[in-house]
Amino acid sequence: MSEIIEEKKSEDMDLEDKDSENENDKKAVDEKEDDNLSEDKEPEDGKKDKKKKEKKSKRDKLKKDKSDNEQTDSSEGSEENIDKKKKSKKDKNAKNPEEINIVKDLLWLIVYIGIVILLCFAIIKFVGLRSRVDGSSMEPTLYNDDNLWIDKLSYTFGDPKRFDVIIFNYDDDTTFIKRIIGLPGETVRIDTEGNIYINEQMLSENYGKETILPSNIGRAIQPVELGEDEYFVLGDNRNNSRDSRYADVGNVSRDSIIGKAVLRIYPFSSFGFID
């Protein structure tokens, strides 16, 4: 009986040993599986970490590239802005060609107007001028409102001649137009029949509209002596002219003569030179 019990105990012990061995084997297997799992898990975690690191590095790289590009763009933009500012300054400083041309045209216009004014002044002062007849004292040669060109240049280089039609200053505000009859140094007289004598020789001329009436002889009924620079003048309308026969006009000095009437420019129907 005791043997049976011992056998049974030994069997139980064997079973326990087997169970313990099985448990140990199971633990070993579990540990091995855990090791395998941990080994498998570690690579997976490593890969994940590696991927994360790669993504992070890519993101960092992208950020860096972006910042570099932004810096480059900003630097390029700043350079462009600087260039634009420089260009705008140059544009401000540099004048538009059209503006320059306008200024040149204006300057030339001013110069042209100045030259025209100077020429007009020189012409009026030294060459000639336009004058208008007021009255009938020179009929039938000239009529009221006739427009004449007066030559001043010829008297700059020469002296007035007999029968020239001249204009001269009567006073500061009035000019007369008459015909020269007597020259400097001569003696002029008109008789009661209306004949004109120069140095006691009768003058042959046909400019008078009519014979001088005795009532219009004036101071020329007596001989009128002319000085070295004096002229005796008459209007062609002899009975309707205020001229050297009257004391208020008297002898005409050379200095008071403005010029010679040479051309009738208006009316156009009577355009031509004056005899």
Protein backbone atom coordinates (compact mmCIF):
# COMPACT_ATOMS: atom_id res chain seq x y z
CA MET A 1 0.00 0.00 0.00
CA SER A 2 2.74 2.29 0.89
CA GLU A 3 4.39 1.42 -2.35
CA ILE A 4 1.27 2.30 -4.18
CA ILE A 5 1.13 5.58 -2.36
CA GLU A 6 4.75 6.25 -3.10
CA GLU A 7 4.27 5.32 -6.71
CA LYS A 8 1.29 7.58 -6.78
CA LYS A 9 3.34 10.32 -5.19
CA SER A 10 6.11 9.71 -7.60
CA GLU A 11 3.60 9.86 -10.40
CA ASP A 12 2.20 13.01 -8.95
CA MET A 13 5.65 14.40 -8.68
CA ASP A 14 6.35 13.43 -12.21
CA LEU A 15 3.15 15.05 -13.25
CA GLU A 16 4.08 18.14 -11.30
CA ASP A 17 7.50 18.11 -12.84
CA LYS A 18 5.96 17.73 -16.22
CA ASP A 19 3.52 20.47 -15.49
CA SER A 20 6.32 22.66 -14.25
CA GLU A 21 8.35 21.81 -17.29
CA ASN A 22 5.36 22.53 -19.46
CA GLU A 23 4.86 25.76 -17.62
CA ASN A 24 8.51 26.57 -18.02
CA ASP A 25 8.33 25.66 -21.67
CA LYS A 26 5.22 27.76 -22.02
CA LYS A 27 6.94 30.64 -20.28
CA ALA A 28 9.94 30.19 -22.50
CA VAL A 29 7.68 30.15 -25.55
CA ASP A 30 5.83 33.19 -24.26
CA GLU A 31 9.07 34.94 -23.56
CA LYS A 32 10.31 34.03 -26.97
CA GLU A 33 7.10 35.27 -28.52
CA ASP A 34 7.41 38.44 -26.44
CA ASP A 35 10.95 38.80 -27.61
CA ASN A 36 9.86 38.27 -31.13
CA LEU A 37 7.06 40.76 -30.66
CA SER A 38 9.41 43.23 -29.11
CA GLU A 39 11.88 42.64 -31.90
CA ASP A 40 9.13 43.05 -34.45
CA LYS A 41 7.80 46.09 -32.66
CA GLU A 42 11.15 47.76 -32.37
CA PRO A 43 11.79 47.76 -36.12
CA GLU A 44 8.28 49.03 -36.76
CA ASP A 45 8.80 51.83 -34.24
CA GLY A 46 12.18 52.56 -35.75
CA LYS A 47 10.68 52.78 -39.19
CA LYS A 48 7.96 55.04 -37.92
CA ASP A 49 10.54 57.21 -36.18
CA LYS A 50 12.64 57.22 -39.31
CA LYS A 51 9.67 58.20 -41.40
CA LYS A 52 8.79 60.90 -38.92
CA LYS A 53 12.34 62.13 -39.01
CA GLU A 54 12.36 62.07 -42.80
CA LYS A 55 9.04 63.95 -42.92
CA LYS A 56 10.30 66.41 -40.38
CA SER A 57 13.52 66.89 -42.31
CA LYS A 58 11.50 67.35 -45.50
CA ARG A 59 9.27 69.87 -43.75
CA ASP A 60 12.31 71.65 -42.37
CA LYS A 61 13.88 71.62 -45.78
CA LEU A 62 10.69 72.94 -47.38
CA LYS A 63 10.49 75.65 -44.73
CA LYS A 64 14.09 76.54 -45.28
CA ASP A 65 13.66 76.59 -49.05
CA LYS A 66 10.53 78.67 -48.63
CA SER A 67 12.28 81.12 -46.32
CA ASP A 68 15.24 81.25 -48.71
CA ASN A 69 12.86 81.90 -51.60
CA GLU A 70 11.04 84.54 -49.61
CA GLN A 71 14.35 86.16 -48.73
CA THR A 72 15.41 85.96 -52.37
CA ASP A 73 12.06 87.35 -53.49
CA SER A 74 12.25 90.07 -50.89
CA SER A 75 15.80 90.90 -51.90
CA GLU A 76 14.80 90.86 -55.56
CA GLY A 77 11.74 92.91 -54.71
CA SER A 78 13.86 95.35 -52.77
CA GLU A 79 16.30 95.54 -55.68
CA GLU A 80 13.38 96.06 -58.04
CA ASN A 81 11.98 98.74 -55.76
CA ILE A 82 15.41 100.40 -55.67
CA ASP A 83 15.62 100.19 -59.45
CA LYS A 84 12.10 101.59 -59.75
CA LYS A 85 12.93 104.42 -57.37
CA LYS A 86 16.10 105.18 -59.30
CA LYS A 87 14.18 105.01 -62.54
CA SER A 88 11.43 107.26 -61.18
CA LYS A 89 14.06 109.76 -60.02
CA LYS A 90 15.67 109.62 -63.42
CA ASP A 91 12.26 110.05 -65.03
CA LYS A 92 11.59 113.02 -62.79
CA ASN A 93 14.96 114.53 -63.52
CA ALA A 94 14.83 113.71 -67.23
CA LYS A 95 12.42 115.95 -69.15
CA ASN A 96 9.92 114.57 -71.60
CA PRO A 97 11.15 115.06 -75.19
CA GLU A 98 7.77 116.56 -76.10
CA GLU A 99 8.11 119.09 -73.28
CA ILE A 100 11.61 119.95 -74.48
CA ASN A 101 10.30 120.41 -78.02
CA ILE A 102 7.47 122.63 -76.76
CA VAL A 103 9.95 124.76 -74.79
CA LYS A 104 12.21 125.03 -77.84
CA ASP A 105 9.25 125.99 -80.03
CA LEU A 106 8.18 128.64 -77.53
CA LEU A 107 11.71 130.02 -77.35
CA TRP A 108 11.94 130.13 -81.14
CA LEU A 109 8.52 131.80 -81.29
CA ILE A 110 9.62 134.43 -78.78
CA VAL A 111 12.84 135.00 -80.73
CA TYR A 112 10.87 135.20 -83.99
CA ILE A 113 8.40 137.72 -82.52
CA GLY A 114 11.31 139.75 -81.14
CA ILE A 115 13.01 139.79 -84.55
CA VAL A 116 9.75 140.83 -86.25
CA ILE A 117 9.25 143.65 -83.73
CA LEU A 118 12.84 144.83 -84.22
CA LEU A 119 12.46 144.71 -87.99
CA CYS A 120 9.17 146.62 -87.82
CA PHE A 121 10.77 149.21 -85.57
CA ALA A 122 13.77 149.51 -87.90
CA ILE A 123 11.50 149.80 -90.93
CA ILE A 124 9.29 152.45 -89.32
CA LYS A 125 12.27 154.34 -87.94
CA PHE A 126 14.62 154.22 -90.92
CA VAL A 127 12.89 152.73 -93.97
CA GLY A 128 9.27 153.78 -94.19
CA LEU A 129 5.77 153.77 -92.76
CA ARG A 130 2.11 153.72 -93.74
CA SER A 131 0.12 156.97 -93.67
CA ARG A 132 -3.49 157.95 -94.40
CA VAL A 133 -4.64 161.13 -96.15
CA ASP A 134 -7.06 163.22 -94.15
CA GLY A 135 -8.74 165.96 -96.17
CA SER A 136 -8.84 167.22 -99.76
CA SER A 137 -5.82 169.56 -99.90
CA MET A 138 -3.90 167.28 -102.32
CA GLU A 139 -6.67 166.64 -104.85
CA PRO A 140 -6.61 165.58 -107.65
CA THR A 141 -3.36 163.73 -106.87
CA LEU A 142 -4.48 162.25 -103.55
CA TYR A 143 -7.91 161.87 -101.98
CA ASN A 144 -9.29 161.59 -98.50
CA ASP A 145 -8.64 158.19 -96.86
CA ASP A 146 -5.99 157.17 -99.38
CA ASN A 147 -3.42 154.91 -97.73
CA LEU A 148 0.18 155.67 -98.66
CA TRP A 149 3.59 154.15 -98.20
CA ILE A 150 6.06 156.79 -97.03
CA ASP A 151 9.71 156.29 -97.98
CA LYS A 152 12.07 157.50 -95.25
CA LEU A 153 15.23 155.80 -96.45
CA SER A 154 15.74 157.97 -99.51
CA TYR A 155 15.95 161.10 -97.34
CA THR A 156 18.43 159.36 -95.06
CA PHE A 157 20.96 159.32 -97.88
CA GLY A 158 19.70 162.26 -99.95
CA ASP A 159 17.80 165.53 -99.84
CA PRO A 160 14.21 166.25 -100.89
CA LYS A 161 13.70 167.43 -104.47
CA ARG A 162 11.31 169.86 -106.15
CA PHE A 163 7.83 168.43 -106.71
CA ASP A 164 8.34 165.60 -104.19
CA VAL A 165 5.14 164.88 -102.19
CA ILE A 166 6.25 164.88 -98.58
CA ILE A 167 4.79 164.51 -95.11
CA PHE A 168 6.13 166.71 -92.33
CA ASN A 169 5.34 167.55 -88.73
CA TYR A 170 3.00 170.52 -88.38
CA ASP A 171 3.08 170.18 -84.59
CA ASP A 172 3.64 167.41 -82.07
CA ASP A 173 0.34 165.71 -82.91
CA THR A 174 -0.30 166.60 -86.56
CA THR A 175 1.41 165.87 -89.87
CA PHE A 176 0.72 167.55 -93.22
CA ILE A 177 1.15 166.17 -96.71
CA LYS A 178 2.15 168.73 -99.41
CA ARG A 179 4.26 169.16 -102.55
CA ILE A 180 7.69 170.85 -102.51
CA ILE A 181 7.80 174.01 -104.67
CA GLY A 182 10.78 176.00 -103.37
CA LEU A 183 14.20 174.60 -102.34
CA PRO A 184 16.70 175.86 -99.71
CA GLY A 185 18.28 179.25 -100.59
CA GLU A 186 15.59 180.13 -103.16
CA THR A 187 13.07 183.01 -103.20
CA VAL A 188 9.41 182.22 -103.87
CA ARG A 189 6.68 184.67 -104.99
CA ILE A 190 3.12 184.37 -106.29
CA ASP A 191 1.58 187.14 -108.42
CA THR A 192 -2.05 188.21 -108.52
CA GLU A 193 -2.73 185.97 -111.52
CA GLY A 194 -1.65 182.92 -109.58
CA ASN A 195 1.70 182.44 -111.27
CA ILE A 196 4.55 181.09 -109.14
CA TYR A 197 8.06 182.54 -109.43
CA ILE A 198 11.29 180.97 -108.25
CA ASN A 199 14.10 183.49 -107.99
CA GLU A 200 11.87 185.74 -110.17
CA GLN A 201 11.54 183.12 -112.88
CA MET A 202 8.06 181.72 -113.49
CA LEU A 203 7.75 178.10 -112.57
CA SER A 204 6.29 175.79 -115.20
CA GLU A 205 4.22 173.07 -113.55
CA ASN A 206 0.79 171.51 -113.94
CA TYR A 207 0.19 169.90 -110.51
CA GLY A 208 -2.31 172.51 -109.37
CA LYS A 209 -5.98 171.66 -109.55
CA GLU A 210 -6.78 175.28 -110.49
CA THR A 211 -5.24 178.73 -110.63
CA ILE A 212 -4.53 180.35 -107.29
CA LEU A 213 -7.05 183.05 -106.49
CA PRO A 214 -5.76 186.45 -105.23
CA SER A 215 -7.51 185.81 -101.88
CA ASN A 216 -5.38 182.68 -101.40
CA ILE A 217 -1.94 184.10 -102.22
CA GLY A 218 -1.24 184.79 -98.56
CA ARG A 219 2.21 185.97 -97.52
CA ALA A 220 3.66 184.82 -100.87
CA ILE A 221 2.42 188.04 -102.43
CA GLN A 222 5.82 189.27 -101.23
CA PRO A 223 9.04 187.36 -101.98
CA VAL A 224 9.66 184.59 -99.42
CA GLU A 225 13.31 183.80 -98.88
CA LEU A 226 14.20 180.25 -97.82
CA GLY A 227 17.00 179.35 -95.47
CA GLU A 228 19.67 176.73 -96.10
CA ASP A 229 17.49 173.96 -94.68
CA GLU A 230 14.01 175.31 -95.54
CA TYR A 231 11.41 174.33 -98.16
CA PHE A 232 8.32 176.09 -99.56
CA VAL A 233 5.34 173.71 -99.96
CA LEU A 234 1.87 173.95 -101.56
CA GLY A 235 -1.13 171.63 -101.70
CA ASP A 236 -2.24 170.56 -105.21
CA ASN A 237 -5.75 171.82 -104.39
CA ARG A 238 -4.33 175.35 -104.38
CA ASN A 239 -7.47 177.17 -103.29
CA ASN A 240 -8.26 174.71 -100.51
CA SER A 241 -4.92 174.03 -98.81
CA ARG A 242 -3.19 175.35 -95.73
CA ASP A 243 0.52 175.46 -96.59
CA SER A 244 3.62 177.72 -96.71
CA ARG A 245 1.48 180.66 -97.88
CA TYR A 246 0.24 180.96 -94.30
CA ALA A 247 2.31 182.05 -91.33
CA ASP A 248 1.18 179.20 -89.04
CA VAL A 249 2.76 176.73 -91.47
CA GLY A 250 5.48 178.92 -93.00
CA ASN A 251 8.70 177.52 -94.35
CA VAL A 252 9.21 173.81 -93.67
CA SER A 253 12.54 172.88 -92.07
CA ARG A 254 14.48 169.85 -93.18
CA ASP A 255 14.33 168.33 -89.71
CA SER A 256 10.53 168.33 -89.70
CA ILE A 257 10.27 166.29 -92.93
CA ILE A 258 9.43 162.64 -92.21
CA GLY A 259 9.57 161.13 -95.67
CA LYS A 260 8.42 161.01 -99.26
CA ALA A 261 5.03 159.62 -100.35
CA VAL A 262 5.91 157.12 -103.06
CA LEU A 263 3.08 154.59 -103.27
CA ARG A 264 -0.68 154.51 -102.87
CA ILE A 265 -1.52 151.10 -101.41
CA TYR A 266 -5.26 151.62 -100.85
CA PRO A 267 -7.80 151.72 -102.39
CA PHE A 268 -6.61 148.87 -104.57
CA SER A 269 -8.29 150.37 -107.63
CA SER A 270 -5.91 153.34 -107.38
CA PHE A 271 -2.85 151.34 -106.38
CA GLY A 272 0.35 152.78 -107.85
CA PHE A 273 3.24 155.19 -107.57
CA ILE A 274 2.65 158.86 -106.81
CA ASP A 275 3.86 161.56 -109.23
